[in-house]
Amino acid sequence: MQPLKYLGGYPPQVLEQVRELIAQDRLGALLSAKYREAHAVRNDGQLYAYVQALKERHMRKAAPLGKVLYDGRLQVLGHTLGTHTTISRVQGSRLKASREIRIASVFRDAPAAFLRMIVVHELAHMKEAEHNRAFYQLCTHMEPDYHQLEFDLRLYLTWLESRSPVPAPG
């Protein structure tokens, strides 16, 4: 039985449906039909502007962003798709904080809806550190279809992984 690491915690019948779609080579076509819209956010400058526009629309009072960029190392490290960090530096006699958002480079080629979902997720972490009720309420405030997009993103990542060649043992 093929492990579906991005779908841990989902009911067995859902996992079986996903396995069947993969075996029939239909998962990619299903997702492509549902998420046809690509995005034009190709570089770090465009990503910063994209994130900043969402932040201004939904979180005007949140602390300013210092840096936003695509990071090619993120998915490799513990299946992290995005990070938000606050970096504190001493400048003279003051402590200055800079907030950074890093998005896995897999989103450079992902459908537009998935980029928006991960950006919303990371922006929500600027107000709520934990994945709790308030966090998910903020996510659905910014993106009403957040939960469906999160599930479909997990399907997308599962599909991408199913396409990659399996390394030979030892």
Protein backbone atom coordinates (compact mmCIF):
# COMPACT_ATOMS: atom_id res chain seq x y z
CA MET A 1 0.00 0.00 0.00
CA GLN A 2 1.42 3.35 -1.09
CA PRO A 3 1.96 5.86 1.78
CA LEU A 4 0.27 9.22 1.23
CA LYS A 5 2.31 11.44 3.53
CA TYR A 6 0.51 14.69 2.66
CA LEU A 7 -2.86 13.15 3.53
CA GLY A 8 -2.17 11.81 7.02
CA GLY A 9 -5.23 11.92 9.24
CA TYR A 10 -7.79 11.65 6.45
CA PRO A 11 -10.31 8.76 6.54
CA PRO A 12 -9.30 5.44 4.89
CA GLN A 13 -12.02 5.76 2.23
CA VAL A 14 -10.57 9.12 1.10
CA LEU A 15 -7.07 7.66 0.96
CA GLU A 16 -8.34 4.72 -1.09
CA GLN A 17 -10.02 7.07 -3.57
CA VAL A 18 -6.75 8.98 -3.95
CA ARG A 19 -4.81 5.75 -4.49
CA GLU A 20 -7.29 4.71 -7.18
CA LEU A 21 -6.98 8.07 -8.95
CA ILE A 22 -3.18 7.73 -8.90
CA ALA A 23 -3.32 4.12 -10.16
CA GLN A 24 -5.64 5.19 -13.00
CA ASP A 25 -3.39 8.19 -13.74
CA ARG A 26 -6.38 10.53 -13.31
CA LEU A 27 -5.39 12.67 -10.30
CA GLY A 28 -3.37 15.18 -12.34
CA ALA A 29 -6.14 15.58 -14.93
CA LEU A 30 -8.74 16.07 -12.20
CA LEU A 31 -6.69 18.82 -10.55
CA SER A 32 -5.80 20.46 -13.87
CA ALA A 33 -9.47 20.65 -14.81
CA LYS A 34 -10.38 22.19 -11.46
CA TYR A 35 -7.45 24.62 -11.23
CA ARG A 36 -6.82 25.95 -14.72
CA GLU A 37 -5.67 29.43 -13.73
CA ALA A 38 -1.92 29.97 -13.57
CA HIS A 39 -0.31 32.95 -11.88
CA ALA A 40 2.28 35.42 -13.10
CA VAL A 41 4.21 35.64 -9.80
CA ARG A 42 7.56 34.40 -11.12
CA ASN A 43 10.21 36.14 -9.00
CA ASP A 44 10.76 37.40 -5.47
CA GLY A 45 9.84 41.01 -6.29
CA GLN A 46 6.52 39.96 -7.76
CA LEU A 47 5.93 37.64 -4.80
CA TYR A 48 6.59 40.48 -2.36
CA ALA A 49 4.07 42.70 -4.17
CA TYR A 50 1.51 39.87 -4.26
CA VAL A 51 1.85 39.14 -0.52
CA GLN A 52 1.87 42.83 0.35
CA ALA A 53 -1.39 43.39 -1.59
CA LEU A 54 -3.11 40.55 0.30
CA LYS A 55 -1.74 41.85 3.60
CA GLU A 56 -2.99 45.38 2.87
CA ARG A 57 -6.41 44.09 1.94
CA HIS A 58 -6.94 41.86 4.99
CA MET A 59 -4.37 42.76 7.67
CA ARG A 60 -3.58 46.47 7.46
CA LYS A 61 -2.68 46.76 11.12
CA ALA A 62 -0.26 43.83 11.12
CA ALA A 63 3.45 44.54 11.36
CA PRO A 64 5.18 45.40 8.07
CA LEU A 65 6.93 42.72 6.04
CA GLY A 66 10.67 42.95 5.61
CA LYS A 67 11.23 40.22 3.07
CA VAL A 68 9.18 37.79 0.98
CA LEU A 69 10.81 35.27 -1.30
CA TYR A 70 10.65 31.88 -2.97
CA ASP A 71 12.91 29.38 -1.22
CA GLY A 72 14.06 26.28 -3.09
CA ARG A 73 15.11 24.48 0.09
CA LEU A 74 11.80 24.56 1.97
CA GLN A 75 10.00 21.49 0.68
CA VAL A 76 13.02 19.31 1.34
CA LEU A 77 13.17 20.27 5.01
CA GLY A 78 10.32 18.47 6.78
CA HIS A 79 7.77 19.12 4.02
CA THR A 80 7.54 22.77 4.96
CA LEU A 81 5.79 24.74 2.23
CA GLY A 82 6.17 28.18 3.71
CA THR A 83 7.68 29.86 6.73
CA HIS A 84 7.20 33.08 8.60
CA THR A 85 9.92 34.37 10.86
CA THR A 86 10.62 37.42 12.95
CA ILE A 87 14.26 38.39 13.07
CA SER A 88 15.29 40.79 15.82
CA ARG A 89 18.37 42.92 15.43
CA VAL A 90 19.93 45.53 17.67
CA GLN A 91 20.31 48.87 15.93
CA GLY A 92 21.95 51.34 18.23
CA SER A 93 20.02 51.32 21.48
CA ARG A 94 16.85 49.87 19.90
CA LEU A 95 15.70 46.40 19.01
CA LYS A 96 14.29 46.24 15.50
CA ALA A 97 12.16 43.32 14.26
CA SER A 98 11.91 42.28 10.63
CA ARG A 99 9.30 39.82 9.45
CA GLU A 100 10.03 37.39 6.62
CA ILE A 101 7.84 35.03 4.64
CA ARG A 102 9.45 32.31 2.57
CA ILE A 103 7.38 30.27 0.12
CA ALA A 104 8.54 26.92 -1.28
CA SER A 105 9.59 27.24 -4.89
CA VAL A 106 7.11 24.50 -5.86
CA PHE A 107 4.50 27.29 -5.79
CA ARG A 108 6.21 29.14 -8.62
CA ASP A 109 4.63 26.63 -11.01
CA ALA A 110 1.55 25.69 -8.97
CA PRO A 111 -1.96 26.89 -9.83
CA ALA A 112 -2.82 30.43 -8.69
CA ALA A 113 -5.27 29.21 -6.04
CA PHE A 114 -2.57 27.17 -4.29
CA LEU A 115 -0.16 30.12 -4.16
CA ARG A 116 -2.92 32.25 -2.66
CA MET A 117 -3.73 29.54 -0.08
CA ILE A 118 -0.13 29.22 1.14
CA VAL A 119 0.31 33.01 1.27
CA VAL A 120 -2.92 33.33 3.30
CA HIS A 121 -1.62 30.61 5.61
CA GLU A 122 1.68 32.39 6.22
CA LEU A 123 0.02 35.78 6.64
CA ALA A 124 -2.33 34.30 9.26
CA HIS A 125 0.73 33.20 11.21
CA MET A 126 1.66 36.86 11.62
CA LYS A 127 -1.28 37.16 14.02
CA GLU A 128 -1.73 33.58 15.26
CA ALA A 129 1.35 31.45 15.87
CA GLU A 130 -0.51 28.17 16.44
CA HIS A 131 -2.86 26.24 14.16
CA ASN A 132 -5.87 26.89 16.36
CA ARG A 133 -9.45 28.00 15.84
CA ALA A 134 -8.54 31.70 15.59
CA PHE A 135 -5.85 30.88 13.02
CA TYR A 136 -8.26 28.98 10.75
CA GLN A 137 -10.93 31.67 11.17
CA LEU A 138 -8.44 34.24 9.94
CA CYS A 139 -7.49 31.99 7.01
CA THR A 140 -11.14 31.57 5.98
CA HIS A 141 -11.70 35.32 6.40
CA MET A 142 -8.94 35.98 3.85
CA GLU A 143 -9.81 32.98 1.64
CA PRO A 144 -13.34 31.56 2.10
CA ASP A 145 -12.42 28.29 0.30
CA TYR A 146 -9.30 27.83 2.43
CA HIS A 147 -10.10 24.32 3.70
CA GLN A 148 -10.95 22.96 0.24
CA LEU A 149 -7.82 24.57 -1.19
CA GLU A 150 -5.70 23.07 1.56
CA PHE A 151 -7.05 19.58 0.82
CA ASP A 152 -6.63 20.03 -2.92
CA LEU A 153 -3.09 21.32 -2.38
CA ARG A 154 -2.35 18.12 -0.46
CA LEU A 155 -3.72 16.18 -3.44
CA TYR A 156 -1.52 18.25 -5.78
CA LEU A 157 1.61 17.54 -3.74
CA THR A 158 0.69 13.85 -3.62
CA TRP A 159 0.29 13.87 -7.40
CA LEU A 160 3.65 15.62 -7.89
CA GLU A 161 5.33 13.05 -5.68
CA SER A 162 3.66 10.15 -7.49
CA ARG A 163 5.17 11.41 -10.78
CA SER A 164 8.72 11.62 -9.50
CA PRO A 165 10.88 8.54 -10.00
CA VAL A 166 11.44 6.33 -6.96
CA PRO A 167 15.14 6.16 -6.05
CA ALA A 168 16.78 2.74 -6.33
CA PRO A 169 17.49 1.07 -2.96
CA GLY A 170 21.01 1.13 -1.49
